[in-house]
Amino acid sequence: GSEFYAQAVAPEPSRIFVDVGLTLHVELTLDEAMEFCRKREKHLKEKADTLSKRAANIRANIKLVYDAMAEIMLEQESFKQPS
């Protein structure tokens, strides 16, 4: 969407619409909405933790490859230099 927002006053805010993803909105009571938000936050934190661990593994693998390449380059340099 165009991300357009407007300020408004709701005369009876006992039920609200919550974006549950994929442009789908569900009408919930305030208690249901709070529970949904708590579950969604927990899910997103777990997903963030998983992605952080994956990123750390990728960084570690990059370092291993970098170190191996540096070692190979040093070995090649030692073969080029006359004894």
Protein backbone atom coordinates (compact mmCIF):
# COMPACT_ATOMS: atom_id res chain seq x y z
CA GLY A 1 0.00 0.00 0.00
CA SER A 2 0.84 3.64 0.04
CA GLU A 3 1.36 3.67 3.84
CA PHE A 4 -1.20 6.48 4.30
CA TYR A 5 -2.24 7.18 7.91
CA ALA A 6 -4.75 9.60 9.42
CA GLN A 7 -5.53 10.62 12.98
CA ALA A 8 -9.02 9.62 14.12
CA VAL A 9 -11.17 9.15 17.20
CA ALA A 10 -12.94 5.81 17.72
CA PRO A 11 -16.11 6.23 19.77
CA GLU A 12 -16.17 2.59 20.94
CA PRO A 13 -12.68 1.04 20.71
CA SER A 14 -13.68 -2.31 22.19
CA ARG A 15 -12.72 -4.06 18.94
CA ILE A 16 -9.85 -3.23 16.62
CA PHE A 17 -8.52 -4.49 13.31
CA VAL A 18 -5.09 -6.12 13.47
CA ASP A 19 -2.84 -6.73 10.48
CA VAL A 20 -1.98 -10.44 10.76
CA GLY A 21 0.16 -10.48 7.61
CA LEU A 22 -0.29 -10.93 3.88
CA THR A 23 -2.48 -7.80 3.90
CA LEU A 24 -5.06 -9.68 5.97
CA HIS A 25 -6.76 -7.78 8.82
CA VAL A 26 -8.76 -9.47 11.57
CA GLU A 27 -11.20 -7.80 13.96
CA LEU A 28 -10.24 -8.63 17.55
CA THR A 29 -11.15 -7.51 21.02
CA LEU A 30 -8.46 -5.54 22.84
CA ASP A 31 -7.56 -8.60 24.95
CA GLU A 32 -7.34 -10.82 21.86
CA ALA A 33 -5.23 -8.21 20.10
CA MET A 34 -2.84 -8.00 23.05
CA GLU A 35 -2.50 -11.79 23.16
CA PHE A 36 -1.90 -11.87 19.40
CA CYS A 37 0.78 -9.20 19.76
CA ARG A 38 2.51 -11.12 22.58
CA LYS A 39 2.57 -14.32 20.49
CA ARG A 40 3.72 -12.44 17.40
CA GLU A 41 6.50 -10.73 19.34
CA LYS A 42 7.68 -14.08 20.75
CA HIS A 43 7.66 -15.62 17.27
CA LEU A 44 9.61 -12.70 15.78
CA LYS A 45 12.20 -12.83 18.58
CA GLU A 46 12.68 -16.57 18.00
CA LYS A 47 13.05 -15.97 14.28
CA ALA A 48 15.56 -13.16 14.91
CA ASP A 49 17.57 -15.45 17.19
CA THR A 50 17.61 -18.17 14.53
CA LEU A 51 18.74 -15.72 11.86
CA SER A 52 21.42 -14.30 14.17
CA LYS A 53 22.80 -17.80 14.74
CA ARG A 54 22.81 -18.46 10.99
CA ALA A 55 24.61 -15.17 10.39
CA ALA A 56 27.24 -16.08 13.01
CA ASN A 57 27.79 -19.45 11.33
CA ILE A 58 28.19 -17.78 7.94
CA ARG A 59 30.70 -15.28 9.41
CA ALA A 60 32.66 -18.16 10.96
CA ASN A 61 32.71 -20.02 7.63
CA ILE A 62 33.89 -16.89 5.81
CA LYS A 63 36.71 -16.51 8.34
CA LEU A 64 37.73 -20.14 7.85
CA VAL A 65 37.84 -19.72 4.08
CA TYR A 66 39.71 -16.43 4.40
CA ASP A 67 42.30 -17.99 6.73
CA ALA A 68 42.71 -21.00 4.41
CA MET A 69 43.22 -18.70 1.42
CA ALA A 70 45.80 -16.65 3.33
CA GLU A 71 47.67 -19.85 4.25
CA ILE A 72 47.66 -21.03 0.62
CA MET A 73 48.96 -17.65 -0.53
CA LEU A 74 51.78 -17.79 2.02
CA GLU A 75 52.74 -21.28 0.85
CA GLN A 76 52.76 -20.13 -2.77
CA GLU A 77 54.99 -17.17 -1.87
CA SER A 78 57.44 -19.47 -0.09
CA PHE A 79 57.71 -21.65 -3.25
CA LYS A 80 58.45 -18.60 -5.41
CA GLN A 81 61.31 -17.33 -3.24
CA PRO A 82 64.71 -18.95 -3.89
CA SER A 83 66.32 -20.65 -0.89
